[in-house]
Amino acid sequence: MAAAWLAACGPPDSRAAGVREEPPAIHVRPVEAPPSGPAVLRGPDSAAVRARIDSVFAPFDRPGSPGCVLAVMEAGEIVYGRGYGSADLARGTPLTPASAFDGASMAKQFLTFGIALLAREGKLSLDDPVQKHLPELPDYGATVTLRHLAHHTSGLRDADARWLSGQRIADPSQLPGLSFPPGDRHMYDDTGYALLQRVIERVSGQSWARFARTRIFDPLGMTRSGFPEDDPGPLPSRVRAYAPSGGGYRLRVSGADQGFTTTPEDLAKWDRNFYDARLGGPAVLRMMLEEGRLNSGETIPYALALHTEPYRGLRRVWHGGLAAGYRSQFMRYPDQRTSVLVMCNVFQVAEPNGLAERVTDIVLEDAIRRAEAQLPVARPREPVPAPTPAERERLAAIYVSRAEQAIRPVRSHGDRLEMRQWITWHALQPLGGGRFRVHGQPLTLLFRLGPGGTRVLEEHWDGRRTPTILEAVPEGSLPAAELDRYTGPYRSDELGTTWVLAREGGLLRVSEGPLGGLRLHPAGPDTFTDREYLLVVFRRDPAGRVAGFTAATPRIRNVEFSKRAR
């Protein structure tokens, strides 16, 4: 999915076109002479800087390994580009900045760019109810706008609904339930962007692939980018993607599968447009960089398919992509006119977020030092000792928030702590005083003791005012008599699926249904988790009998199941 930039002329009344009058929350401030960034790759110490960058990717820079491509850009010009590892292990084809990857969710920014182009032309407004353009959608019981979809604040069901239902749901947007009232919170999903694609097709009269090619890719000279399923243009074959297996690698994606195809060289042309606004003009650029706002009035660090969380005191605009074995991260630092792009073809081994941040630490070292000196709470200047094995075991736990319907697994792995975010385990960098930085995420954690000695985890996301508070749940089991109160069939009419829960030792097990065999561990009063991804909270009737449960994942909430008679 994706975004685009439009021609400079627009309707006289910009409000009718969905362009807000107030200044955007993020804006580009070009500087004449960046004190760091690409300059360090041209100076007398450039060889040493490049060697430091190459060392970041050393684990992949060897024969017989998939790996990553790096591109460091200055206002859209690649000043250092290198591949580390192979695009095709069978042929020994090396990765290069010309290699074609599945860009996955990086395509979302091209899609929102297309929406911004049409808004600038007066053909739609971001504040249009989605049913204005897609009247076939169900009544959600609340108004969902295009802006909600673009900012991931719609509450529409995500693709996790398919997992919970057993893949029976072809289109989650047809489900009438909402994870939350539109505009109440920000929760990343893919459903809203599938609808934005349909809106572009309905309004423009073109397939999304043709619109993207004629309105975005071709005008920018991105000749090796596109959507091959609908647009059989001269697209290159994608690199193959791999997963670790038995000390080596197995093929995970052949490279012939369909999806958004792009190259680092093409993405540099996209990056350049954020500085010269040649396509779309300043108005569309402002729309792209305007952060969302919740019903509470709080802004969120997410614009039109662009995250806006800062990094170590530097303004940053970024977005990544994940599809099977392909993972990418594209970080832009507008004040330094510097961008760092990492694209990888190996599942669960290469973590491009962290890799891109390590490169940033090198090329923007001076700028970071100055910026951090201005922060109210700076990172420690000297490395903080890693937690001892005893400290790691004390902090490792499953942390749960019933109010937020959230689960955060923290584990001791090797000589470090890790936390799982969605499907990835991220290393935790100690900052001292119980604080840790989540490697590759705009997130700081604080471990502390709560009332009664409970272990508490506070999540402090960069750019967000309110932390998420979770509590550690003890490992253990429940007596058979207590577990038996939860057993039996449960039905979700919305998903059209039934789960049957049975007792297995001191746990619950899904004995029938789409998640058959899944084990649910006790996690507090009337609460169970699979200890990785799923949270189940039971509810009771006025007589205290178990009447149903609510299921939640990191991508979906408030999925109701009701207990049925056996």
Protein backbone atom coordinates (compact mmCIF):
# COMPACT_ATOMS: atom_id res chain seq x y z
CA MET A 1 0.00 0.00 0.00
CA ALA A 2 1.24 3.54 -0.45
CA ALA A 3 1.27 7.32 -1.03
CA ALA A 4 1.84 10.02 -3.67
CA TRP A 5 2.56 13.74 -4.48
CA LEU A 6 0.38 15.87 -6.79
CA ALA A 7 0.57 18.82 -9.12
CA ALA A 8 0.95 22.21 -7.48
CA CYS A 9 -2.35 23.75 -8.54
CA GLY A 10 -5.39 23.15 -6.36
CA PRO A 11 -8.89 24.43 -5.76
CA PRO A 12 -9.40 27.95 -4.40
CA ASP A 13 -10.92 26.63 -1.15
CA SER A 14 -8.24 24.35 0.28
CA ARG A 15 -10.50 23.32 3.16
CA ALA A 16 -12.92 21.74 0.69
CA ALA A 17 -10.03 19.66 -0.58
CA GLY A 18 -9.19 18.35 2.86
CA VAL A 19 -6.14 20.58 3.42
CA ARG A 20 -6.00 21.88 7.00
CA GLU A 21 -5.25 25.56 7.46
CA GLU A 22 -3.08 25.22 10.58
CA PRO A 23 0.64 24.62 10.02
CA PRO A 24 1.74 20.99 9.95
CA ALA A 25 3.26 19.45 13.03
CA ILE A 26 6.37 18.48 11.06
CA HIS A 27 7.99 20.61 8.40
CA VAL A 28 11.19 20.51 6.41
CA ARG A 29 13.82 23.08 7.38
CA PRO A 30 16.61 22.79 4.80
CA VAL A 31 20.07 23.66 6.04
CA GLU A 32 22.85 24.95 3.83
CA ALA A 33 25.74 23.01 5.33
CA PRO A 34 24.88 19.95 7.40
CA PRO A 35 27.52 19.66 10.14
CA SER A 36 27.37 15.86 9.99
CA GLY A 37 25.54 13.21 8.02
CA PRO A 38 26.77 12.72 4.45
CA ALA A 39 29.58 15.22 5.08
CA VAL A 40 31.41 12.64 7.18
CA LEU A 41 31.43 10.32 4.18
CA ARG A 42 33.30 12.87 2.08
CA GLY A 43 35.84 14.18 4.59
CA PRO A 44 39.38 13.06 5.36
CA ASP A 45 38.13 10.38 7.74
CA SER A 46 35.62 8.95 5.27
CA ALA A 47 37.43 5.60 4.95
CA ALA A 48 37.26 5.07 8.70
CA VAL A 49 33.58 6.07 8.77
CA ARG A 50 32.76 3.61 6.01
CA ALA A 51 34.63 0.88 7.84
CA ARG A 52 32.54 1.55 10.96
CA ILE A 53 29.36 1.35 8.87
CA ASP A 54 30.49 -1.88 7.21
CA SER A 55 31.15 -3.42 10.62
CA VAL A 56 27.44 -3.03 11.46
CA PHE A 57 26.64 -5.47 8.63
CA ALA A 58 29.62 -7.78 9.12
CA PRO A 59 27.46 -10.81 10.10
CA PHE A 60 25.96 -10.79 6.59
CA ASP A 61 29.01 -9.81 4.56
CA ARG A 62 30.14 -13.33 3.69
CA PRO A 63 29.49 -15.99 1.04
CA GLY A 64 26.44 -18.18 1.50
CA SER A 65 24.47 -15.68 3.55
CA PRO A 66 21.46 -13.54 2.70
CA GLY A 67 21.69 -10.08 4.14
CA CYS A 68 20.91 -6.42 3.60
CA VAL A 69 21.43 -3.41 1.36
CA LEU A 70 22.31 -0.04 2.89
CA ALA A 71 21.82 3.36 1.28
CA VAL A 72 22.86 6.57 3.05
CA MET A 73 21.34 9.56 1.23
CA GLU A 74 21.83 13.30 1.14
CA ALA A 75 18.59 14.98 0.00
CA GLY A 76 17.81 12.00 -2.22
CA GLU A 77 21.31 11.32 -3.52
CA ILE A 78 22.96 8.07 -2.42
CA VAL A 79 26.35 8.98 -0.97
CA TYR A 80 27.11 5.50 0.33
CA GLY A 81 25.38 2.38 -0.94
CA ARG A 82 26.46 -1.21 -0.39
CA GLY A 83 25.06 -4.69 -0.35
CA TYR A 84 26.05 -7.22 2.29
CA GLY A 85 25.25 -10.83 1.43
CA SER A 86 23.46 -12.56 -1.43
CA ALA A 87 20.25 -11.84 -3.32
CA ASP A 88 20.09 -15.48 -4.46
CA LEU A 89 22.08 -18.13 -2.58
CA ALA A 90 21.76 -20.72 -5.36
CA ARG A 91 23.30 -18.41 -7.94
CA GLY A 92 25.55 -16.43 -5.61
CA THR A 93 24.05 -13.15 -6.88
CA PRO A 94 25.22 -10.29 -4.65
CA LEU A 95 22.93 -7.72 -3.10
CA THR A 96 23.41 -4.17 -4.44
CA PRO A 97 21.55 -0.83 -4.28
CA ALA A 98 19.91 -1.87 -7.56
CA SER A 99 18.43 -5.05 -6.03
CA ALA A 100 14.63 -5.27 -6.05
CA PHE A 101 12.83 -6.08 -2.80
CA ASP A 102 9.28 -6.48 -1.66
CA GLY A 103 8.83 -3.13 0.08
CA ALA A 104 5.71 -4.35 1.94
CA SER A 105 4.25 -1.60 4.15
CA MET A 106 6.67 1.03 2.86
CA ALA A 107 4.16 1.17 0.01
CA LYS A 108 1.65 2.75 2.42
CA GLN A 109 3.26 6.17 2.02
CA PHE A 110 2.76 6.04 -1.75
CA LEU A 111 -0.89 5.22 -1.15
CA THR A 112 -1.41 8.18 1.17
CA PHE A 113 0.46 10.33 -1.33
CA GLY A 114 -2.17 9.32 -3.88
CA ILE A 115 -4.92 10.30 -1.44
CA ALA A 116 -3.19 13.66 -0.88
CA LEU A 117 -2.98 14.25 -4.63
CA LEU A 118 -6.70 13.63 -5.07
CA ALA A 119 -7.47 15.83 -2.07
CA ARG A 120 -5.38 18.64 -3.52
CA GLU A 121 -7.38 18.32 -6.75
CA GLY A 122 -10.63 18.62 -4.81
CA LYS A 123 -11.78 15.11 -5.71
CA LEU A 124 -12.02 13.99 -2.08
CA SER A 125 -11.42 15.24 1.44
CA LEU A 126 -9.55 13.47 4.19
CA ASP A 127 -12.58 14.21 6.38
CA ASP A 128 -14.97 12.37 4.04
CA PRO A 129 -16.80 9.44 5.66
CA VAL A 130 -15.41 6.33 4.02
CA GLN A 131 -18.93 5.25 2.96
CA LYS A 132 -19.13 8.36 0.74
CA HIS A 133 -16.75 6.61 -1.63
CA LEU A 134 -17.41 2.99 -0.64
CA PRO A 135 -21.17 2.79 0.09
CA GLU A 136 -21.02 -1.01 0.19
CA LEU A 137 -19.29 -0.94 3.59
CA PRO A 138 -21.34 -1.85 6.68
CA ASP A 139 -22.58 0.61 9.29
CA TYR A 140 -19.90 0.66 11.97
CA GLY A 141 -22.13 2.51 14.42
CA ALA A 142 -19.81 5.56 14.22
CA THR A 143 -18.37 7.78 11.49
CA VAL A 144 -15.08 6.52 10.07
CA THR A 145 -13.27 9.06 7.87
CA LEU A 146 -10.44 8.73 5.38
CA ARG A 147 -8.28 10.58 7.89
CA HIS A 148 -9.02 7.88 10.47
CA LEU A 149 -7.94 5.23 7.98
CA ALA A 150 -4.71 7.04 7.10
CA HIS A 151 -3.73 7.65 10.74
CA HIS A 152 -4.63 4.13 11.94
CA THR A 153 -7.23 5.57 14.29
CA SER A 154 -10.33 4.03 12.67
CA GLY A 155 -10.76 1.04 15.01
CA LEU A 156 -11.61 -1.20 12.04
CA ARG A 157 -10.81 -4.88 12.43
CA ASP A 158 -7.34 -5.88 11.26
CA ALA A 159 -6.28 -9.06 9.49
CA ASP A 160 -5.79 -10.71 12.91
CA ALA A 161 -9.54 -11.28 12.71
CA ARG A 162 -8.73 -13.98 10.13
CA TRP A 163 -6.35 -15.67 12.56
CA LEU A 164 -8.89 -15.62 15.37
CA SER A 165 -11.61 -16.97 13.07
CA GLY A 166 -9.60 -19.55 11.15
CA GLN A 167 -9.08 -17.66 7.89
CA ARG A 168 -12.80 -17.54 7.11
CA ILE A 169 -12.92 -13.77 6.67
CA ALA A 170 -12.01 -12.56 3.19
CA ASP A 171 -12.41 -8.85 3.98
CA PRO A 172 -12.10 -7.65 7.61
CA SER A 173 -13.60 -4.28 6.63
CA GLN A 174 -16.97 -6.04 6.28
CA LEU A 175 -17.00 -6.85 10.00
CA PRO A 176 -19.28 -4.45 11.88
CA GLY A 177 -17.32 -4.51 15.13
CA LEU A 178 -14.68 -1.96 16.09
CA SER A 179 -11.63 -2.37 18.27
CA PHE A 180 -12.32 1.10 19.69
CA PRO A 181 -14.39 4.20 18.78
CA PRO A 182 -12.89 6.01 15.76
CA GLY A 183 -10.33 8.57 16.84
CA ASP A 184 -9.98 7.28 20.40
CA ARG A 185 -6.55 5.69 19.94
CA HIS A 186 -3.85 4.83 17.43
CA MET A 187 -3.48 1.13 16.51
CA TYR A 188 -1.61 0.07 13.40
CA ASP A 189 -3.67 -1.96 10.92
CA ASP A 190 -3.73 -2.94 7.26
CA THR A 191 -7.51 -2.87 6.73
CA GLY A 192 -7.73 0.92 6.52
CA TYR A 193 -5.10 1.04 3.81
CA ALA A 194 -6.88 -1.63 1.77
CA LEU A 195 -9.89 0.69 1.85
CA LEU A 196 -7.80 3.74 0.89
CA GLN A 197 -6.59 1.81 -2.14
CA ARG A 198 -10.21 1.13 -3.14
CA VAL A 199 -11.05 4.81 -2.64
CA ILE A 200 -8.27 5.84 -5.04
CA GLU A 201 -9.50 3.34 -7.60
CA ARG A 202 -13.13 4.48 -7.23
CA VAL A 203 -12.31 8.21 -7.42
CA SER A 204 -9.64 8.05 -10.15
CA GLY A 205 -11.23 5.35 -12.32
CA GLN A 206 -7.87 3.54 -12.52
CA SER A 207 -6.47 0.49 -10.83
CA TRP A 208 -4.16 1.39 -7.97
CA ALA A 209 -1.19 -0.06 -9.84
CA ARG A 210 -1.85 2.11 -12.91
CA PHE A 211 -2.50 5.21 -10.79
CA ALA A 212 0.74 4.67 -8.87
CA ARG A 213 2.73 4.22 -12.06
CA THR A 214 1.29 7.12 -14.03
CA ARG A 215 0.92 9.63 -11.19
CA ILE A 216 3.88 8.79 -8.93
CA PHE A 217 6.51 6.33 -10.13
CA ASP A 218 6.95 7.50 -13.74
CA PRO A 219 6.98 11.24 -12.91
CA LEU A 220 9.69 10.61 -10.32
CA GLY A 221 11.68 8.32 -12.60
CA MET A 222 11.06 5.29 -10.36
CA THR A 223 11.11 2.90 -13.32
CA ARG A 224 11.90 -0.19 -11.23
CA SER A 225 9.03 0.23 -8.75
CA GLY A 226 5.47 -0.98 -9.06
CA PHE A 227 2.79 -3.55 -8.34
CA PRO A 228 3.37 -6.39 -10.82
CA GLU A 229 0.04 -8.13 -10.23
CA ASP A 230 -1.81 -5.36 -12.12
CA ASP A 231 0.97 -3.53 -13.90
CA PRO A 232 3.19 -5.78 -16.03
CA GLY A 233 5.73 -3.05 -16.61
CA PRO A 234 9.50 -3.52 -16.83
CA LEU A 235 9.88 -4.52 -13.20
CA PRO A 236 12.96 -6.47 -12.11
CA SER A 237 12.75 -9.86 -10.47
CA ARG A 238 12.87 -9.50 -6.72
CA VAL A 239 15.66 -10.89 -4.61
CA ARG A 240 14.86 -14.15 -2.88
CA ALA A 241 14.06 -14.19 0.83
CA TYR A 242 15.31 -16.72 3.37
CA ALA A 243 14.87 -17.96 6.92
CA PRO A 244 17.45 -19.64 9.17
CA SER A 245 17.28 -23.42 9.20
CA GLY A 246 19.59 -26.03 10.73
CA GLY A 247 22.66 -23.83 10.79
CA GLY A 248 22.00 -22.58 7.26
CA TYR A 249 19.12 -21.00 5.38
CA ARG A 250 16.01 -22.22 3.64
CA LEU A 251 14.15 -20.42 0.87
CA ARG A 252 11.15 -18.58 2.30
CA VAL A 253 10.05 -16.49 -0.71
CA SER A 254 11.10 -17.27 -4.26
CA GLY A 255 11.16 -13.67 -5.43
CA ALA A 256 8.50 -14.38 -8.04
CA ASP A 257 5.64 -13.76 -5.60
CA GLN A 258 3.59 -10.67 -6.33
CA GLY A 259 3.68 -7.48 -4.27
CA PHE A 260 5.13 -3.98 -4.12
CA THR A 261 8.51 -4.06 -5.85
CA THR A 262 11.13 -1.35 -5.39
CA THR A 263 14.87 -0.77 -5.15
CA PRO A 264 17.06 1.42 -2.94
CA GLU A 265 18.00 3.47 -5.99
CA ASP A 266 14.33 4.16 -6.74
CA LEU A 267 13.57 5.02 -3.12
CA ALA A 268 16.31 7.66 -3.27
CA LYS A 269 14.26 9.40 -5.98
CA TRP A 270 11.26 9.30 -3.67
CA ASP A 271 13.39 10.72 -0.87
CA ARG A 272 14.51 13.62 -3.07
CA ASN A 273 10.90 14.72 -3.56
CA PHE A 274 10.61 15.43 0.17
CA TYR A 275 13.16 18.21 -0.37
CA ASP A 276 12.33 19.66 -3.79
CA ALA A 277 8.56 18.81 -3.80
CA ARG A 278 8.79 18.58 -7.58
CA LEU A 279 5.80 16.26 -7.63
CA GLY A 280 2.80 17.46 -5.66
CA GLY A 281 4.22 20.75 -4.47
CA PRO A 282 4.51 22.10 -0.92
CA ALA A 283 0.79 21.66 -0.13
CA VAL A 284 0.88 17.91 -0.63
CA LEU A 285 4.14 17.70 1.30
CA ARG A 286 2.49 19.48 4.23
CA MET A 287 -0.43 17.05 4.15
CA MET A 288 1.93 14.09 4.15
CA LEU A 289 3.76 15.35 7.24
CA GLU A 290 0.79 16.47 9.33
CA GLU A 291 0.46 14.34 12.45
CA GLY A 292 -2.82 12.77 13.49
CA ARG A 293 -4.90 13.93 16.42
CA LEU A 294 -7.02 11.83 18.78
CA ASN A 295 -10.48 12.73 20.06
CA SER A 296 -8.78 13.76 23.31
CA GLY A 297 -6.83 16.45 21.46
CA GLU A 298 -3.53 14.62 21.87
CA THR A 299 -1.42 14.40 18.73
CA ILE A 300 0.07 11.08 17.71
CA PRO A 301 3.55 10.63 16.24
CA TYR A 302 2.17 9.36 12.93
CA ALA A 303 1.34 11.39 9.83
CA LEU A 304 0.20 9.99 6.47
CA ALA A 305 1.94 6.60 6.58
CA LEU A 306 4.99 8.24 8.12
CA HIS A 307 6.07 7.84 11.74
CA THR A 308 7.32 11.06 13.28
CA GLU A 309 8.95 9.92 16.53
CA PRO A 310 12.30 11.67 17.03
CA TYR A 311 15.56 9.80 17.48
CA ARG A 312 18.06 10.86 20.14
CA GLY A 313 16.90 14.47 19.91
CA LEU A 314 16.79 14.60 16.10
CA ARG A 315 13.59 15.07 14.14
CA ARG A 316 12.90 11.93 12.16
CA VAL A 317 10.30 10.75 9.61
CA TRP A 318 10.30 7.03 8.99
CA HIS A 319 8.44 3.87 8.00
CA GLY A 320 9.35 0.25 7.52
CA GLY A 321 8.00 -2.83 5.81
CA LEU A 322 7.73 -6.52 6.63
CA ALA A 323 6.56 -9.31 4.33
CA ALA A 324 7.57 -12.93 4.87
CA GLY A 325 11.38 -12.85 4.68
CA TYR A 326 11.64 -9.23 3.50
CA ARG A 327 12.22 -6.46 6.05
CA SER A 328 13.00 -2.80 5.42
CA GLN A 329 13.42 0.46 7.30
CA PHE A 330 13.64 3.96 5.82
CA MET A 331 14.59 6.80 8.20
CA ARG A 332 14.74 10.45 7.11
CA TYR A 333 16.35 13.22 9.22
CA PRO A 334 15.14 16.39 7.48
CA ASP A 335 17.19 18.93 9.43
CA GLN A 336 20.39 17.10 8.44
CA ARG A 337 19.07 16.31 4.93
CA THR A 338 20.11 12.74 5.64
CA SER A 339 18.28 9.45 5.13
CA VAL A 340 19.25 5.90 6.04
CA LEU A 341 17.62 2.99 4.21
CA VAL A 342 18.15 -0.67 5.08
CA MET A 343 16.48 -3.48 3.08
CA CYS A 344 17.02 -7.13 4.07
CA ASN A 345 16.09 -10.57 2.75
CA VAL A 346 16.45 -12.81 5.80
CA PHE A 347 13.65 -13.51 8.27
CA GLN A 348 14.18 -12.98 12.03
CA VAL A 349 17.95 -12.59 11.69
CA ALA A 350 18.31 -9.10 10.20
CA GLU A 351 16.43 -6.44 12.17
CA PRO A 352 16.55 -3.34 9.92
CA ASN A 353 15.23 -0.88 12.52
CA GLY A 354 18.20 -1.45 14.79
CA LEU A 355 20.64 -1.61 11.89
CA ALA A 356 19.42 1.73 10.53
CA GLU A 357 19.74 3.34 13.96
CA ARG A 358 23.31 2.05 14.35
CA VAL A 359 24.22 3.61 11.01
CA THR A 360 22.51 6.83 12.11
CA ASP A 361 24.65 6.84 15.24
CA ILE A 362 27.73 6.84 13.02
CA VAL A 363 26.85 9.32 10.27
CA LEU A 364 25.01 11.77 12.55
CA GLU A 365 27.26 11.35 15.58
CA ASP A 366 28.01 15.07 16.00
CA ALA A 367 24.41 16.16 15.45
CA ILE A 368 23.21 13.58 17.98
CA ARG A 369 25.73 14.75 20.58
CA ARG A 370 24.48 18.34 20.29
CA ALA A 371 20.81 17.35 20.23
CA GLU A 372 21.05 15.06 23.24
CA ALA A 373 22.68 17.81 25.26
CA GLN A 374 19.39 19.72 24.95
CA LEU A 375 17.15 16.84 26.07
CA PRO A 376 15.64 16.97 29.58
CA VAL A 377 16.69 13.36 30.18
CA ALA A 378 19.76 12.48 28.16
CA ARG A 379 21.14 9.03 27.65
CA PRO A 380 24.07 8.14 29.90
CA ARG A 381 27.35 9.18 28.35
CA GLU A 382 29.10 6.04 29.57
CA PRO A 383 27.76 2.54 28.88
CA VAL A 384 25.59 1.20 31.69
CA PRO A 385 26.56 -2.31 32.84
CA ALA A 386 24.32 -5.06 31.51
CA PRO A 387 21.93 -6.54 34.07
CA THR A 388 23.27 -9.53 35.95
CA PRO A 389 21.72 -12.97 35.37
CA ALA A 390 19.80 -12.57 38.63
CA GLU A 391 18.48 -9.16 37.55
CA ARG A 392 17.45 -10.51 34.16
CA GLU A 393 15.54 -13.37 35.74
CA ARG A 394 13.82 -10.95 38.10
CA LEU A 395 12.64 -8.69 35.27
CA ALA A 396 11.75 -11.44 32.79
CA ALA A 397 7.99 -12.04 32.91
CA ILE A 398 4.74 -11.69 31.02
CA TYR A 399 3.42 -8.18 31.60
CA VAL A 400 -0.29 -7.55 31.08
CA SER A 401 -2.65 -4.57 31.07
CA ARG A 402 -6.29 -5.54 31.23
CA ALA A 403 -7.32 -1.91 30.69
CA GLU A 404 -5.28 -1.62 27.49
CA GLN A 405 -5.86 -5.27 26.49
CA ALA A 406 -2.10 -5.56 26.02
CA ILE A 407 0.52 -8.25 26.60
CA ARG A 408 4.29 -7.67 26.66
CA PRO A 409 6.54 -10.72 27.01
CA VAL A 410 10.01 -9.96 28.42
CA ARG A 411 12.63 -12.72 28.44
CA SER A 412 16.22 -13.32 29.43
CA HIS A 413 17.98 -14.45 26.26
CA GLY A 414 21.70 -15.11 26.28
CA ASP A 415 23.32 -12.22 28.12
CA ARG A 416 20.55 -9.67 27.57
CA LEU A 417 16.90 -8.87 28.13
CA GLU A 418 14.50 -8.85 25.19
CA MET A 419 10.89 -7.73 24.73
CA ARG A 420 8.53 -8.96 22.06
CA GLN A 421 6.79 -6.29 19.99
CA TRP A 422 4.27 -7.84 17.61
CA ILE A 423 6.33 -10.71 16.13
CA THR A 424 9.88 -9.49 16.80
CA TRP A 425 12.05 -9.86 19.90
CA HIS A 426 13.96 -6.60 20.51
CA ALA A 427 17.03 -6.27 22.71
CA LEU A 428 16.79 -3.95 25.71
CA GLN A 429 19.68 -1.52 26.21
CA PRO A 430 20.16 -0.58 29.88
CA LEU A 431 20.07 3.13 30.69
CA GLY A 432 20.28 2.85 34.48
CA GLY A 433 17.71 3.29 37.23
CA GLY A 434 15.50 0.49 35.89
CA ARG A 435 15.25 2.18 32.49
CA PHE A 436 15.89 0.41 29.18
CA ARG A 437 15.79 1.51 25.56
CA VAL A 438 14.11 -0.92 23.15
CA HIS A 439 16.59 -1.50 20.34
CA GLY A 440 15.15 -0.39 17.01
CA GLN A 441 11.94 1.04 18.51
CA PRO A 442 11.02 4.60 19.63
CA LEU A 443 10.31 3.23 23.09
CA THR A 444 11.82 3.48 26.58
CA LEU A 445 10.84 1.06 29.36
CA LEU A 446 10.84 1.63 33.10
CA PHE A 447 10.72 -1.38 35.41
CA ARG A 448 9.59 -0.54 38.94
CA LEU A 449 7.73 -1.92 41.93
CA GLY A 450 4.06 -1.13 42.35
CA PRO A 451 1.67 -1.38 45.32
CA GLY A 452 2.15 -4.57 47.29
CA GLY A 453 5.48 -5.28 45.60
CA THR A 454 3.99 -6.04 42.17
CA ARG A 455 6.41 -5.70 39.28
CA VAL A 456 5.33 -2.90 36.95
CA LEU A 457 6.44 -2.09 33.41
CA GLU A 458 5.92 1.43 32.07
CA GLU A 459 6.08 1.95 28.29
CA HIS A 460 7.08 5.47 27.29
CA TRP A 461 6.73 5.89 23.52
CA ASP A 462 8.57 8.83 22.01
CA GLY A 463 6.18 11.60 21.05
CA ARG A 464 3.29 10.27 23.19
CA ARG A 465 2.15 11.89 26.40
CA THR A 466 0.60 8.96 28.25
CA PRO A 467 2.60 5.83 29.18
CA THR A 468 1.15 2.33 29.08
CA ILE A 469 1.24 0.61 32.48
CA LEU A 470 1.47 -3.19 32.66
CA GLU A 471 1.93 -5.59 35.56
CA ALA A 472 3.90 -8.82 35.68
CA VAL A 473 1.77 -11.93 36.09
CA PRO A 474 3.09 -14.91 38.04
CA GLU A 475 3.78 -18.17 36.31
CA GLY A 476 1.72 -21.05 37.58
CA SER A 477 -1.43 -23.04 37.19
CA LEU A 478 -4.95 -23.10 38.61
CA PRO A 479 -6.82 -25.89 40.43
CA ALA A 480 -8.95 -28.13 38.25
CA ALA A 481 -12.20 -26.98 39.85
CA GLU A 482 -11.43 -23.35 39.06
CA LEU A 483 -10.34 -24.09 35.49
CA ASP A 484 -13.52 -26.07 34.86
CA ARG A 485 -15.52 -22.85 35.23
CA TYR A 486 -13.94 -21.61 32.00
CA THR A 487 -14.28 -24.75 29.88
CA GLY A 488 -16.87 -25.19 27.17
CA PRO A 489 -17.84 -23.68 23.79
CA TYR A 490 -17.64 -19.95 23.07
CA ARG A 491 -19.11 -18.29 20.00
CA SER A 492 -18.22 -15.04 18.21
CA ASP A 493 -21.14 -14.14 15.97
CA GLU A 494 -19.09 -11.31 14.45
CA LEU A 495 -16.30 -13.65 13.33
CA GLY A 496 -18.59 -16.59 12.70
CA THR A 497 -16.40 -18.94 14.69
CA THR A 498 -16.58 -21.15 17.79
CA TRP A 499 -13.79 -22.02 20.21
CA VAL A 500 -14.05 -24.94 22.61
CA LEU A 501 -11.89 -24.59 25.72
CA ALA A 502 -10.81 -27.62 27.72
CA ARG A 503 -8.69 -28.12 30.82
CA GLU A 504 -5.17 -29.48 30.34
CA GLY A 505 -3.24 -29.83 33.56
CA GLY A 506 -3.24 -26.43 35.20
CA LEU A 507 -3.92 -24.60 31.91
CA LEU A 508 -6.67 -24.12 29.35
CA ARG A 509 -6.35 -25.47 25.82
CA VAL A 510 -8.31 -24.63 22.71
CA SER A 511 -9.50 -28.15 21.93
CA GLU A 512 -11.66 -27.24 18.92
CA GLY A 513 -11.68 -24.26 16.62
CA PRO A 514 -9.23 -22.30 14.46
CA LEU A 515 -6.56 -22.14 17.16
CA GLY A 516 -6.88 -25.79 18.10
CA GLY A 517 -4.06 -26.87 20.41
CA LEU A 518 -3.23 -23.36 21.60
CA ARG A 519 -2.52 -23.29 25.35
CA LEU A 520 -3.74 -20.44 27.54
CA HIS A 521 -1.85 -19.71 30.76
CA PRO A 522 -3.36 -17.99 33.82
CA ALA A 523 -2.40 -14.30 33.94
CA GLY A 524 -4.43 -12.88 36.81
CA PRO A 525 -8.11 -12.85 37.74
CA ASP A 526 -10.19 -14.15 34.80
CA THR A 527 -7.22 -13.47 32.49
CA PHE A 528 -5.21 -15.86 30.29
CA THR A 529 -2.50 -15.46 27.65
CA ASP A 530 -0.62 -17.63 25.19
CA ARG A 531 2.48 -15.92 26.67
CA GLU A 532 3.37 -14.35 23.32
CA TYR A 533 0.56 -12.65 21.40
CA LEU A 534 -2.99 -13.36 22.55
CA LEU A 535 -4.82 -11.99 25.61
CA VAL A 536 -8.14 -13.46 26.76
CA VAL A 537 -10.15 -11.77 29.53
CA PHE A 538 -13.27 -13.57 30.76
CA ARG A 539 -16.41 -11.76 31.90
CA ARG A 540 -19.04 -12.95 34.34
CA ASP A 541 -22.79 -12.49 34.66
CA PRO A 542 -24.42 -10.88 37.75
CA ALA A 543 -24.50 -14.30 39.43
CA GLY A 544 -20.72 -14.68 39.03
CA ARG A 545 -20.88 -17.34 36.32
CA VAL A 546 -18.45 -17.14 33.38
CA ALA A 547 -20.48 -15.73 30.49
CA GLY A 548 -17.90 -15.11 27.78
CA PHE A 549 -14.54 -13.53 27.03
CA THR A 550 -12.88 -10.74 25.09
CA ALA A 551 -9.93 -11.61 22.83
CA ALA A 552 -7.19 -9.13 21.90
CA THR A 553 -3.88 -9.12 20.02
CA PRO A 554 -1.44 -6.26 19.26
CA ARG A 555 -3.53 -5.56 16.11
CA ILE A 556 -7.13 -6.07 17.26
CA ARG A 557 -9.18 -5.57 20.45
CA ASN A 558 -12.62 -6.13 21.93
CA VAL A 559 -13.50 -9.28 19.99
CA GLU A 560 -16.42 -10.68 21.95
CA PHE A 561 -17.14 -14.39 22.48
CA SER A 562 -20.22 -15.61 24.38
CA LYS A 563 -20.40 -18.89 26.24
CA ARG A 564 -22.83 -21.40 24.79
CA ALA A 565 -24.52 -24.43 26.27
CA ARG A 566 -22.76 -27.70 25.64
